[in-house]
Protein backbone atom coordinates (compact mmCIF):
# COMPACT_ATOMS: atom_id res chain seq x y z
CA MET A 1 -0.38 -27.86 -37.60
CA ARG A 2 3.12 -27.27 -36.21
CA LEU A 3 2.64 -23.55 -36.51
CA PHE A 4 -0.63 -23.82 -34.56
CA LEU A 5 1.04 -25.90 -31.81
CA LEU A 6 3.93 -23.45 -31.58
CA PHE A 7 1.51 -20.53 -31.33
CA MET A 8 -0.55 -22.26 -28.59
CA THR A 9 2.62 -23.14 -26.66
CA ILE A 10 3.73 -19.51 -26.70
CA ILE A 11 0.30 -18.31 -25.52
CA LEU A 12 0.13 -20.88 -22.72
CA ALA A 13 3.67 -20.12 -21.60
CA SER A 14 3.06 -16.38 -21.51
CA THR A 15 -0.21 -16.67 -19.57
CA SER A 16 1.23 -19.14 -17.08
CA CYS A 17 4.17 -16.81 -16.40
CA GLN A 18 1.93 -13.88 -15.53
CA LYS A 19 2.02 -13.19 -11.80
CA GLN A 20 -1.30 -13.62 -10.07
CA GLN A 21 -2.21 -11.33 -7.16
CA LYS A 22 -0.19 -12.55 -4.21
CA TYR A 23 -2.27 -13.25 -1.11
CA GLU A 24 -0.46 -13.80 2.15
CA LYS A 25 -1.29 -14.17 5.80
CA PHE A 26 -0.63 -11.16 7.98
CA ILE A 27 1.04 -11.30 11.38
CA ILE A 28 -0.75 -10.28 14.59
CA ASP A 29 1.31 -8.37 17.14
CA GLN A 30 -0.77 -7.00 20.01
CA SER A 31 2.20 -4.96 21.27
CA LEU A 32 2.18 -2.65 18.21
CA PRO A 33 0.37 0.21 20.04
CA THR A 34 3.39 0.47 22.37
CA ASN A 35 5.95 0.60 19.54
CA ASP A 36 8.22 3.68 19.72
CA THR A 37 7.32 4.91 16.24
CA ILE A 38 3.58 4.50 16.88
CA GLN A 39 3.97 6.41 20.16
CA LEU A 40 5.80 9.19 18.34
CA LEU A 41 3.00 9.44 15.76
CA SER A 42 0.60 10.29 18.59
CA LYS A 43 2.77 13.28 19.54
CA LEU A 44 3.07 14.80 16.05
CA PRO A 45 0.41 16.81 14.18
CA GLU A 46 -1.12 15.27 11.07
CA LEU A 47 0.38 16.28 7.74
CA LYS A 48 -1.51 18.84 5.70
CA LEU A 49 -0.99 17.97 2.03
CA PHE A 50 -2.94 20.90 0.55
CA ASN A 51 -4.44 24.15 1.86
CA SER A 52 -8.17 23.31 1.68
CA GLU A 53 -7.74 19.81 3.12
CA VAL A 54 -10.15 18.79 5.89
CA MET A 55 -8.08 17.15 8.61
CA GLU A 56 -9.56 13.82 9.75
CA SER A 57 -7.06 13.29 12.55
CA SER A 58 -5.27 15.72 14.83
CA THR A 59 -2.23 13.45 15.14
CA ARG A 60 -0.05 11.86 12.52
CA THR A 61 -1.48 8.60 11.15
CA ALA A 62 1.54 7.19 9.32
CA TYR A 63 5.29 7.25 9.15
CA ILE A 64 6.11 5.40 5.97
CA VAL A 65 9.09 5.90 3.71
CA GLN A 66 8.91 4.93 0.07
CA HIS A 67 12.16 4.62 -1.78
CA ALA A 68 11.58 4.28 -5.50
CA PHE A 69 14.40 3.91 -7.95
CA TYR A 70 14.63 3.49 -11.67
CA TYR A 71 17.17 2.65 -14.30
CA ASP A 72 17.63 4.77 -17.39
CA GLY A 73 20.26 2.91 -19.33
CA PRO A 74 23.40 2.89 -17.21
CA ARG A 75 22.09 5.67 -14.94
CA LYS A 76 20.14 5.03 -11.75
CA GLY A 77 17.79 7.62 -10.27
CA SER A 78 15.81 7.55 -7.05
CA PHE A 79 12.98 9.28 -5.26
CA LEU A 80 12.16 9.33 -1.56
CA PHE A 81 8.64 10.02 -0.23
CA ASN A 82 7.67 10.19 3.45
CA ASP A 83 4.45 12.21 3.46
CA TYR A 84 1.85 9.46 3.83
CA LYS A 85 -1.43 9.32 5.71
CA CYS A 86 -3.50 6.33 6.76
CA LYS A 87 -7.22 5.80 6.42
CA ALA A 88 -9.06 2.53 7.11
CA GLN A 89 -12.59 1.59 6.09
CA SER A 90 -14.53 -1.53 6.94
CA GLN A 91 -16.67 -2.83 4.10
CA ASN A 92 -18.59 -6.03 4.91
CA ASP A 93 -15.86 -8.56 5.79
CA THR A 94 -12.99 -6.57 4.20
CA LEU A 95 -10.79 -3.91 5.75
CA ASN A 96 -9.36 -1.42 3.26
CA ILE A 97 -6.26 0.38 4.52
CA LEU A 98 -5.26 3.32 2.33
CA LEU A 99 -1.68 4.52 2.78
CA ASN A 100 -1.47 7.48 0.44
CA ASN A 101 -0.31 11.07 -0.01
CA ASP A 102 -3.17 12.15 -2.27
CA ASN A 103 -3.58 15.90 -2.72
CA GLY A 104 -6.48 15.69 -5.18
CA TYR A 105 -4.27 15.81 -8.26
CA PHE A 106 -1.43 13.43 -7.43
CA GLY A 107 -1.51 10.30 -5.34
CA ASN A 108 1.21 7.88 -4.44
CA GLY A 109 0.93 4.89 -2.17
CA VAL A 110 -0.87 1.60 -1.72
CA LEU A 111 -4.23 0.11 -0.84
CA VAL A 112 -4.04 -2.89 1.48
CA LYS A 113 -7.08 -5.19 1.39
CA VAL A 114 -7.41 -7.40 4.48
CA PHE A 115 -9.87 -10.27 4.85
CA ASN A 116 -9.96 -13.81 6.29
CA SER A 117 -6.55 -13.29 7.97
CA GLN A 118 -5.00 -12.60 4.56
CA PHE A 119 -4.05 -9.48 2.67
CA TYR A 120 -2.96 -8.23 -0.71
CA ILE A 121 -1.57 -4.89 -1.82
CA LYS A 122 -2.51 -2.77 -4.82
CA ASP A 123 -0.25 0.07 -6.00
CA ILE A 124 -1.90 3.43 -6.56
CA ASP A 125 -1.31 5.05 -9.92
CA PRO A 126 0.19 8.52 -9.35
CA SER A 127 -1.53 9.99 -12.41
CA THR A 128 -4.96 10.51 -10.87
CA LEU A 129 -7.27 13.46 -11.27
CA LYS A 130 -10.12 14.80 -9.15
CA ARG A 131 -9.76 12.27 -6.33
CA GLU A 132 -10.19 9.19 -8.49
CA LYS A 133 -8.33 6.04 -7.48
CA LYS A 134 -6.52 4.14 -10.20
CA PHE A 135 -4.15 1.25 -9.72
CA ILE A 136 -1.12 0.09 -11.62
CA LYS A 137 0.08 -3.44 -12.17
CA SER A 138 3.12 -4.46 -10.21
CA LYS A 139 5.08 -7.58 -9.49
CA VAL A 140 5.35 -8.29 -5.78
CA LEU A 141 8.89 -9.11 -4.73
CA GLU A 142 8.33 -9.21 -0.95
CA GLN A 143 5.50 -8.17 1.34
CA LYS A 144 4.83 -8.23 5.05
CA LEU A 145 1.92 -6.83 7.02
CA VAL A 146 1.69 -6.76 10.81
CA LEU A 147 -1.54 -5.65 12.52
CA ASN A 148 -2.44 -5.46 16.19
CA THR A 149 -5.64 -7.49 15.72
CA ASN A 150 -7.65 -9.52 13.24
CA LYS A 151 -11.03 -8.15 14.38
CA PHE A 152 -12.08 -4.98 12.57
CA ASN A 153 -15.02 -3.02 13.94
CA LYS A 154 -16.14 0.53 13.23
CA ASN A 155 -14.47 3.13 15.50
CA ASP A 156 -11.79 0.68 16.69
CA SER A 157 -8.18 1.74 16.44
CA ILE A 158 -5.92 -0.22 14.14
CA TYR A 159 -2.12 -0.23 14.35
CA GLY A 160 0.16 -1.69 11.74
CA PHE A 161 3.51 -2.13 10.06
CA ILE A 162 4.09 -2.66 6.34
CA ASP A 163 7.17 -3.73 4.41
CA TYR A 164 6.47 -4.00 0.69
CA LYS A 165 8.83 -4.35 -2.25
CA CYS A 166 7.65 -4.48 -5.84
CA LYS A 167 8.66 -3.94 -9.41
CA ILE A 168 6.35 -1.58 -11.32
CA ASP A 169 7.78 -2.29 -14.73
CA SER A 170 11.15 -3.35 -16.07
CA LEU A 171 12.71 -0.05 -14.97
CA VAL A 172 11.07 0.98 -11.65
CA TYR A 173 11.46 -0.65 -8.23
CA LYS A 174 9.68 0.43 -5.06
CA HIS A 175 10.30 -0.23 -1.36
CA PHE A 176 7.45 0.95 0.90
CA ARG A 177 8.05 0.52 4.65
CA GLY A 178 6.75 1.97 7.91
CA TYR A 179 4.17 2.18 10.67
CA PHE A 180 0.59 3.45 10.67
CA LYS A 181 -2.37 3.94 12.99
CA THR A 182 -5.93 5.12 12.48
CA THR A 183 -9.54 4.62 13.47
CA ILE A 184 -11.64 2.27 11.37
CA GLN A 185 -14.51 3.97 9.56
CA LYS A 186 -17.57 2.30 8.10
CA ASN A 187 -17.95 2.61 4.35
């Protein structure tokens, strides 16, 4: 009986310690379209991530920097990515904001799901093939989302800022921060 109780205690403790998806309220800042970085995005051409890519926007849709670092024993390594694009799709009452640098074989970024004045972030698994979207589990350390509105209609422009820190596993940390703008598409 004691062994059974010990076993149940361990199971309950481990399941109660697992981090549930963290939902938070986003901030509305109607002045985002006049932000210096957003204005600069409108003056730069969109990134072309691969030769046969069909460009959906003539101007840059995101300036986001991801700093990822990892520990390998006593050594620390880091990677810096800044080649992200933004795409937003409205699906019923949910807005999906994809901040990614997908080239068809490799993708790195996040999917932000926005609904009922709340949001949560899912990390994209970089090991994707043939345009599939896979996600990896992560532990949210901090997250902040600022949008210019909370009304999301097809063909409206959306402007935003994201600051997201997470731990992918016991060795990898990620800080994803920057501005984005795009036109909302209907899914």
